[in-house]
Amino acid sequence: MATVLYHKAAVWLLKARHRDEVAGLWSQLKVRYPKMSELVQARLTTSHFSGLLLSLIILVMLYLLALFAGLVEELLEAEELIRIDYWINEQLTLIRTDSTLMAFAWLTDLGGAPALIAVAVVATGIFWAHHLSGFIAPLWLTVLGSQLMTYTGKFLLQRPRPESVTDLVEITPSFPSGHATSALAVYGFMAYIISRGVSSARQRFELIYWAAMLILLIGGSRLVLSVHYASDVVAGFLVGSFWLLMGIAVAELIHRKWQHQSSGEL
């Protein structure tokens, strides 16, 4: 027993010494490099959104870009990814019955441009009517940014689509999937906005869960209908996630700026 207590005391002393050393080093850095230390402290503070939380969002966005770039590189240089795409497309023939194709054709329409533009337009009207106009610009930044990046990738890479198994006619190149991108960006942004007004953690989880299920089903519908390869859909989700985080970051910065101005006026 005494040995255990001695060991715990020794560990605590070592940790305390380590904390003192770190604090001393940070004090020295603040004296020698005041501007840099202020910048680091501002990026790591947890007292406001533009600190640690925004820094983490930016890091995740950079990681998503790196994943997307890696996927593009694999598509251009590695035959293994193409073989995996072909294999997945062939395996899905097992579930391509008439009823399945009809169900997924309905689902895929929810990720099409007409449906998502309608959602964005209606949301814009609701934001304006409820004095939430600060969310309008971030919403359209998310929509238009994701579309611009998607179609730039499509026409730069010019990847042919798989052989269609339905009457759907797609005239744009395959990579990345515009439906996957738009569904994640638009429905994800709407889920974020609605979740901000939900106080219950369970309700917030269910909202995000079902929004994620809808987005995944829309992405999966593109595979079942054989209008995209699996890597197209994954790339679309990466692009959509990047612009969703961009929209959330801008929305939070605008919202907090307005709150600060309102409290200052009061």
Protein backbone atom coordinates (compact mmCIF):
# COMPACT_ATOMS: atom_id res chain seq x y z
CA MET A 1 0.00 0.00 0.00
CA ALA A 2 2.77 2.42 0.91
CA THR A 3 4.57 1.59 -2.34
CA VAL A 4 1.44 2.43 -4.37
CA LEU A 5 0.98 5.75 -2.57
CA TYR A 6 4.65 6.60 -3.10
CA HIS A 7 4.34 5.83 -6.81
CA LYS A 8 1.23 8.02 -7.17
CA ALA A 9 2.93 10.87 -5.31
CA ALA A 10 5.98 10.61 -7.56
CA VAL A 11 3.83 10.68 -10.69
CA TRP A 12 1.92 13.72 -9.41
CA LEU A 13 5.17 15.57 -8.67
CA LEU A 14 6.54 14.79 -12.14
CA LYS A 15 3.34 16.08 -13.75
CA ALA A 16 3.41 19.22 -11.62
CA ARG A 17 7.03 19.81 -12.58
CA HIS A 18 6.18 19.28 -16.23
CA ARG A 19 3.33 21.81 -15.99
CA ASP A 20 5.65 24.33 -14.36
CA GLU A 21 8.23 23.82 -17.12
CA VAL A 22 5.59 24.30 -19.83
CA ALA A 23 4.26 27.42 -18.11
CA GLY A 24 7.79 28.81 -17.83
CA LEU A 25 8.51 28.12 -21.48
CA TRP A 26 5.24 29.77 -22.52
CA SER A 27 6.11 32.85 -20.43
CA GLN A 28 9.48 33.11 -22.18
CA LEU A 29 7.85 32.82 -25.60
CA LYS A 30 5.35 35.55 -24.73
CA VAL A 31 8.22 37.87 -23.83
CA ARG A 32 10.39 37.08 -26.87
CA TYR A 33 7.63 36.69 -29.46
CA PRO A 34 4.61 38.67 -28.22
CA LYS A 35 2.72 38.84 -31.54
CA MET A 36 3.16 35.15 -32.31
CA SER A 37 2.15 34.13 -28.79
CA GLU A 38 -0.97 36.31 -28.99
CA LEU A 39 -1.89 34.68 -32.29
CA VAL A 40 -1.40 31.17 -30.87
CA GLN A 41 -3.38 32.01 -27.75
CA ALA A 42 -6.21 33.48 -29.84
CA ARG A 43 -6.33 30.31 -31.95
CA LEU A 44 -6.41 28.01 -28.92
CA THR A 45 -8.78 29.85 -26.60
CA THR A 46 -12.06 28.12 -25.77
CA SER A 47 -13.89 31.28 -24.67
CA HIS A 48 -15.22 32.14 -28.15
CA PHE A 49 -15.97 30.43 -31.46
CA SER A 50 -13.13 32.09 -33.39
CA GLY A 51 -10.62 30.40 -31.10
CA LEU A 52 -10.04 26.67 -30.72
CA LEU A 53 -13.32 25.58 -32.32
CA LEU A 54 -12.72 27.55 -35.51
CA SER A 55 -9.12 26.33 -35.59
CA LEU A 56 -10.33 22.72 -35.41
CA ILE A 57 -12.86 23.34 -38.18
CA ILE A 58 -10.13 24.77 -40.40
CA LEU A 59 -7.88 21.77 -39.69
CA VAL A 60 -10.69 19.37 -40.60
CA MET A 61 -11.35 21.32 -43.81
CA LEU A 62 -7.68 21.06 -44.77
CA TYR A 63 -7.78 17.35 -44.01
CA LEU A 64 -10.83 16.94 -46.26
CA LEU A 65 -9.02 18.74 -49.06
CA ALA A 66 -6.03 16.44 -48.59
CA LEU A 67 -8.29 13.38 -48.77
CA PHE A 68 -9.94 14.70 -51.93
CA ALA A 69 -6.56 15.41 -53.53
CA GLY A 70 -5.39 11.91 -52.60
CA LEU A 71 -8.51 10.39 -54.14
CA VAL A 72 -7.96 12.34 -57.36
CA GLU A 73 -4.34 11.14 -57.45
CA GLU A 74 -5.44 7.53 -56.95
CA LEU A 75 -7.98 7.91 -59.73
CA LEU A 76 -5.39 9.25 -62.16
CA GLU A 77 -2.47 7.01 -61.29
CA ALA A 78 -3.66 3.83 -59.57
CA GLU A 79 -5.62 1.12 -61.36
CA GLU A 80 -6.60 -0.47 -58.04
CA LEU A 81 -9.19 2.21 -57.27
CA ILE A 82 -10.75 1.76 -60.70
CA ARG A 83 -10.91 -2.02 -60.20
CA ILE A 84 -12.62 -1.53 -56.82
CA ASP A 85 -15.14 0.83 -58.43
CA TYR A 86 -15.92 -1.70 -61.17
CA TRP A 87 -16.21 -4.54 -58.64
CA ILE A 88 -18.66 -2.62 -56.43
CA ASN A 89 -20.74 -1.69 -59.46
CA GLU A 90 -20.92 -5.33 -60.54
CA GLN A 91 -21.92 -6.53 -57.05
CA LEU A 92 -24.84 -4.12 -56.96
CA THR A 93 -26.46 -5.97 -59.87
CA LEU A 94 -27.70 -8.45 -57.25
CA ILE A 95 -30.13 -5.88 -55.82
CA ARG A 96 -31.11 -4.08 -59.04
CA THR A 97 -34.68 -5.26 -59.29
CA ASP A 98 -37.46 -3.16 -60.79
CA SER A 99 -38.87 -2.22 -57.39
CA THR A 100 -35.43 -1.35 -55.99
CA LEU A 101 -34.55 0.79 -58.97
CA MET A 102 -37.91 2.60 -58.69
CA ALA A 103 -37.35 3.33 -54.98
CA PHE A 104 -33.80 4.59 -55.51
CA ALA A 105 -34.86 6.66 -58.52
CA TRP A 106 -37.27 8.49 -56.19
CA LEU A 107 -34.53 8.93 -53.61
CA THR A 108 -32.04 10.24 -56.12
CA ASP A 109 -34.46 13.01 -57.12
CA LEU A 110 -34.13 14.39 -53.56
CA GLY A 111 -30.48 15.10 -54.34
CA GLY A 112 -31.08 16.64 -57.73
CA ALA A 113 -30.63 20.31 -58.51
CA PRO A 114 -34.36 21.18 -58.66
CA ALA A 115 -35.10 19.71 -55.22
CA LEU A 116 -32.06 21.22 -53.52
CA ILE A 117 -32.50 24.66 -55.06
CA ALA A 118 -36.13 24.56 -53.90
CA VAL A 119 -34.95 23.71 -50.37
CA ALA A 120 -32.43 26.55 -50.42
CA VAL A 121 -34.97 29.08 -51.76
CA VAL A 122 -37.61 28.09 -49.18
CA ALA A 123 -34.99 28.20 -46.41
CA THR A 124 -33.95 31.67 -47.57
CA GLY A 125 -37.53 32.87 -47.26
CA ILE A 126 -37.89 31.34 -43.80
CA PHE A 127 -34.63 32.91 -42.61
CA TRP A 128 -35.74 36.31 -43.89
CA ALA A 129 -39.21 36.05 -42.34
CA HIS A 130 -37.85 35.01 -38.94
CA HIS A 131 -35.12 37.69 -38.85
CA LEU A 132 -32.35 35.14 -39.38
CA SER A 133 -30.92 36.80 -42.49
CA GLY A 134 -27.41 36.21 -41.17
CA PHE A 135 -27.77 32.58 -42.26
CA ILE A 136 -28.75 33.39 -45.86
CA ALA A 137 -25.27 34.22 -47.18
CA PRO A 138 -23.62 31.17 -45.52
CA LEU A 139 -26.35 28.92 -46.97
CA TRP A 140 -25.76 30.14 -50.52
CA LEU A 141 -21.99 30.10 -50.00
CA THR A 142 -22.35 26.41 -49.12
CA VAL A 143 -24.62 25.71 -52.11
CA LEU A 144 -22.71 27.65 -54.77
CA GLY A 145 -19.23 26.82 -53.47
CA SER A 146 -19.93 23.10 -53.46
CA GLN A 147 -21.40 23.26 -56.96
CA LEU A 148 -18.49 25.26 -58.35
CA MET A 149 -15.92 22.85 -56.92
CA THR A 150 -17.89 19.82 -58.09
CA TYR A 151 -18.32 20.93 -61.68
CA THR A 152 -14.73 22.13 -61.87
CA GLY A 153 -13.64 18.62 -60.90
CA LYS A 154 -16.06 17.03 -63.35
CA PHE A 155 -14.89 18.94 -66.40
CA LEU A 156 -11.20 18.87 -65.50
CA LEU A 157 -11.08 15.09 -64.95
CA GLN A 158 -13.69 14.09 -67.57
CA ARG A 159 -14.30 10.66 -66.06
CA PRO A 160 -16.84 8.61 -68.04
CA ARG A 161 -19.87 7.32 -66.18
CA PRO A 162 -20.66 3.62 -65.76
CA GLU A 163 -23.14 2.00 -68.11
CA SER A 164 -26.62 3.05 -66.99
CA VAL A 165 -29.21 0.43 -66.04
CA THR A 166 -32.19 2.81 -66.19
CA ASP A 167 -33.61 5.50 -68.45
CA LEU A 168 -31.77 8.22 -66.51
CA VAL A 169 -29.71 10.39 -68.83
CA GLU A 170 -26.71 12.15 -67.29
CA ILE A 171 -24.78 14.52 -69.54
CA THR A 172 -22.01 15.61 -67.16
CA PRO A 173 -18.85 13.64 -66.35
CA SER A 174 -18.85 11.26 -63.40
CA PHE A 175 -16.28 12.48 -60.85
CA PRO A 176 -17.25 13.74 -58.30
CA SER A 177 -20.94 13.05 -57.72
CA GLY A 178 -22.94 16.26 -57.77
CA HIS A 179 -25.87 14.61 -55.99
CA ALA A 180 -23.66 13.45 -53.12
CA THR A 181 -22.01 16.87 -52.85
CA SER A 182 -25.24 18.85 -52.93
CA ALA A 183 -27.15 16.53 -50.59
CA LEU A 184 -24.46 16.72 -47.92
CA ALA A 185 -23.98 20.47 -48.30
CA VAL A 186 -27.65 21.51 -48.37
CA TYR A 187 -29.30 18.95 -46.08
CA GLY A 188 -26.32 19.09 -43.76
CA PHE A 189 -26.61 22.88 -43.50
CA MET A 190 -30.35 22.66 -42.83
CA ALA A 191 -29.75 20.06 -40.12
CA TYR A 192 -27.18 22.37 -38.55
CA ILE A 193 -29.58 25.34 -38.56
CA ILE A 194 -32.46 23.32 -37.08
CA SER A 195 -30.21 21.72 -34.45
CA ARG A 196 -29.21 25.17 -33.20
CA GLY A 197 -32.76 25.69 -31.99
CA VAL A 198 -33.13 22.24 -30.40
CA SER A 199 -32.37 22.14 -26.69
CA SER A 200 -32.60 18.37 -26.16
CA ALA A 201 -29.40 16.43 -26.89
CA ARG A 202 -31.45 13.38 -27.89
CA GLN A 203 -33.53 15.37 -30.38
CA ARG A 204 -30.39 16.93 -31.78
CA PHE A 205 -28.81 13.49 -32.21
CA GLU A 206 -31.91 12.11 -33.93
CA LEU A 207 -32.04 15.10 -36.27
CA ILE A 208 -28.40 14.69 -37.29
CA TYR A 209 -28.79 10.91 -37.52
CA TRP A 210 -31.77 11.01 -39.89
CA ALA A 211 -30.22 13.78 -41.97
CA ALA A 212 -27.10 11.62 -42.31
CA MET A 213 -29.24 8.62 -43.31
CA LEU A 214 -30.96 10.66 -46.01
CA ILE A 215 -27.63 11.90 -47.35
CA LEU A 216 -26.17 8.38 -47.39
CA LEU A 217 -29.25 7.00 -49.15
CA ILE A 218 -29.03 9.69 -51.82
CA GLY A 219 -25.37 8.88 -52.35
CA GLY A 220 -26.13 5.16 -52.41
CA SER A 221 -28.89 5.69 -54.95
CA ARG A 222 -26.31 6.91 -57.45
CA LEU A 223 -24.48 3.59 -57.13
CA VAL A 224 -27.57 1.39 -57.33
CA LEU A 225 -28.79 3.26 -60.41
CA SER A 226 -25.30 2.84 -61.93
CA VAL A 227 -24.82 6.51 -62.75
CA HIS A 228 -21.74 6.86 -60.53
CA TYR A 229 -18.86 4.81 -59.19
CA ALA A 230 -18.22 4.49 -55.46
CA SER A 231 -15.21 6.84 -55.58
CA ASP A 232 -17.39 9.48 -57.26
CA VAL A 233 -19.80 9.42 -54.33
CA VAL A 234 -17.01 9.44 -51.72
CA ALA A 235 -15.41 12.42 -53.46
CA GLY A 236 -18.78 14.18 -53.51
CA PHE A 237 -19.16 13.65 -49.77
CA LEU A 238 -15.68 15.10 -49.19
CA VAL A 239 -16.46 18.20 -51.25
CA GLY A 240 -19.86 18.59 -49.59
CA SER A 241 -18.33 18.23 -46.12
CA PHE A 242 -15.71 20.88 -46.91
CA TRP A 243 -18.30 23.45 -47.97
CA LEU A 244 -20.67 22.50 -45.17
CA LEU A 245 -17.94 23.31 -42.63
CA MET A 246 -17.18 26.51 -44.52
CA GLY A 247 -20.84 27.55 -44.32
CA ILE A 248 -21.10 26.67 -40.63
CA ALA A 249 -17.95 28.64 -39.79
CA VAL A 250 -19.16 31.73 -41.66
CA ALA A 251 -22.65 31.43 -40.16
CA GLU A 252 -21.32 31.22 -36.61
CA LEU A 253 -18.97 34.17 -37.11
CA ILE A 254 -21.79 36.32 -38.52
CA HIS A 255 -24.23 35.25 -35.81
CA ARG A 256 -21.80 36.00 -33.01
CA LYS A 257 -20.86 39.33 -34.55
CA TRP A 258 -24.53 40.33 -34.65
CA GLN A 259 -25.00 39.18 -31.06
CA HIS A 260 -22.02 41.26 -29.97
CA GLN A 261 -23.33 44.33 -31.81
CA SER A 262 -26.80 43.88 -30.32
CA SER A 263 -25.44 43.56 -26.79
CA GLY A 264 -23.25 46.62 -27.39
CA GLU A 265 -26.26 48.67 -28.47
CA LEU A 266 -28.11 47.62 -25.34
